[in-house]
Amino acid sequence: MWIRQIHRWLSIAFTLAVIANIVALTLQVQATWIGLLAFVPLIPLLATGLYMFALPYLGRRRGARQEA
């Protein structure tokens, strides 16, 4: 399933952005964009995660409609 693969790659990007943020804080680099870097993959990560969470419930609803 392609949405699951996208979700996995987004989680890797998010992890790398968080690590970059921690390194910048450790080195005391004053760059605001590094702090906001984690939000770029976080928003689509949330969307794909919510979609995958809702899939089993949507499948049950469609199955109930087809039986009726």
C-alpha atoms as a PDB file:
ATOM      1  CA  MET A   1       0.000   0.000   0.000  1.00  0.00           C
ATOM      2  CA  TRP A   2       1.533   3.266  -1.116  1.00  0.00           C
ATOM      3  CA  ILE A   3       0.143   5.394   1.734  1.00  0.00           C
ATOM      4  CA  ARG A   4       1.937   3.202   4.275  1.00  0.00           C
ATOM      5  CA  GLN A   5       5.237   3.602   2.401  1.00  0.00           C
ATOM      6  CA  ILE A   6       4.793   7.392   2.293  1.00  0.00           C
ATOM      7  CA  HIS A   7       4.065   7.361   6.021  1.00  0.00           C
ATOM      8  CA  ARG A   8       7.268   5.424   6.712  1.00  0.00           C
ATOM      9  CA  TRP A   9       9.432   7.827   4.700  1.00  0.00           C
ATOM     10  CA  LEU A  10       7.789  10.822   6.349  1.00  0.00           C
ATOM     11  CA  SER A  11       8.552   9.354   9.761  1.00  0.00           C
ATOM     12  CA  ILE A  12      12.212   9.017   8.778  1.00  0.00           C
ATOM     13  CA  ALA A  13      12.267  12.649   7.604  1.00  0.00           C
ATOM     14  CA  PHE A  14      10.610  13.768  10.839  1.00  0.00           C
ATOM     15  CA  THR A  15      13.132  11.845  12.937  1.00  0.00           C
ATOM     16  CA  LEU A  16      16.038  13.417  11.050  1.00  0.00           C
ATOM     17  CA  ALA A  17      14.529  16.891  11.511  1.00  0.00           C
ATOM     18  CA  VAL A  18      14.169  16.338  15.247  1.00  0.00           C
ATOM     19  CA  ILE A  19      17.772  15.119  15.471  1.00  0.00           C
ATOM     20  CA  ALA A  20      18.917  18.215  13.548  1.00  0.00           C
ATOM     21  CA  ASN A  21      16.960  20.378  15.984  1.00  0.00           C
ATOM     22  CA  ILE A  22      18.580  18.685  18.990  1.00  0.00           C
ATOM     23  CA  VAL A  23      22.044  19.103  17.470  1.00  0.00           C
ATOM     24  CA  ALA A  24      21.359  22.789  16.776  1.00  0.00           C
ATOM     25  CA  LEU A  25      20.202  23.308  20.356  1.00  0.00           C
ATOM     26  CA  THR A  26      23.292  21.549  21.658  1.00  0.00           C
ATOM     27  CA  LEU A  27      25.566  23.724  19.525  1.00  0.00           C
ATOM     28  CA  GLN A  28      23.515  26.792  20.538  1.00  0.00           C
ATOM     29  CA  VAL A  29      22.785  27.769  16.938  1.00  0.00           C
ATOM     30  CA  GLN A  30      20.160  30.514  16.854  1.00  0.00           C
ATOM     31  CA  ALA A  31      18.279  29.574  13.686  1.00  0.00           C
ATOM     32  CA  THR A  32      14.506  29.573  13.927  1.00  0.00           C
ATOM     33  CA  TRP A  33      14.095  27.651  10.671  1.00  0.00           C
ATOM     34  CA  ILE A  34      15.801  24.612  12.206  1.00  0.00           C
ATOM     35  CA  GLY A  35      13.166  24.547  14.934  1.00  0.00           C
ATOM     36  CA  LEU A  36      10.387  24.770  12.363  1.00  0.00           C
ATOM     37  CA  LEU A  37      11.997  22.136  10.133  1.00  0.00           C
ATOM     38  CA  ALA A  38      10.238  19.315  11.996  1.00  0.00           C
ATOM     39  CA  PHE A  39       6.804  20.700  11.099  1.00  0.00           C
ATOM     40  CA  VAL A  40       7.320  20.138   7.368  1.00  0.00           C
ATOM     41  CA  PRO A  41       7.030  16.316   7.516  1.00  0.00           C
ATOM     42  CA  LEU A  42       4.858  16.360  10.634  1.00  0.00           C
ATOM     43  CA  ILE A  43       1.708  17.694   8.957  1.00  0.00           C
ATOM     44  CA  PRO A  44       1.531  15.072   6.154  1.00  0.00           C
ATOM     45  CA  LEU A  45       2.642  12.450   8.697  1.00  0.00           C
ATOM     46  CA  LEU A  46      -0.409  13.314  10.783  1.00  0.00           C
ATOM     47  CA  ALA A  47      -2.686  13.138   7.742  1.00  0.00           C
ATOM     48  CA  THR A  48      -1.408   9.743   6.587  1.00  0.00           C
ATOM     49  CA  GLY A  49      -1.501   8.390  10.135  1.00  0.00           C
ATOM     50  CA  LEU A  50      -5.101   9.451  10.647  1.00  0.00           C
ATOM     51  CA  TYR A  51      -6.038   7.958   7.290  1.00  0.00           C
ATOM     52  CA  MET A  52      -4.500   4.596   8.170  1.00  0.00           C
ATOM     53  CA  PHE A  53      -6.139   4.730  11.594  1.00  0.00           C
ATOM     54  CA  ALA A  54      -9.565   5.278  10.016  1.00  0.00           C
ATOM     55  CA  LEU A  55      -9.233   2.564   7.340  1.00  0.00           C
ATOM     56  CA  PRO A  56     -10.541  -0.365   9.428  1.00  0.00           C
ATOM     57  CA  TYR A  57     -13.554   1.642  10.553  1.00  0.00           C
ATOM     58  CA  LEU A  58     -14.367   2.781   7.023  1.00  0.00           C
ATOM     59  CA  GLY A  59     -14.101  -0.822   5.809  1.00  0.00           C
ATOM     60  CA  ARG A  60     -16.621  -2.002   8.399  1.00  0.00           C
ATOM     61  CA  ARG A  61     -19.062   0.737   7.432  1.00  0.00           C
ATOM     62  CA  ARG A  62     -18.849  -0.142   3.738  1.00  0.00           C
ATOM     63  CA  GLY A  63     -19.306  -3.840   4.505  1.00  0.00           C
ATOM     64  CA  ALA A  64     -22.423  -3.141   6.560  1.00  0.00           C
ATOM     65  CA  ARG A  65     -23.946  -1.091   3.749  1.00  0.00           C
ATOM     66  CA  GLN A  66     -23.319  -3.803   1.161  1.00  0.00           C
ATOM     67  CA  GLU A  67     -25.005  -6.464   3.321  1.00  0.00           C
ATOM     68  CA  ALA A  68     -28.157  -4.370   3.796  1.00  0.00           C
END
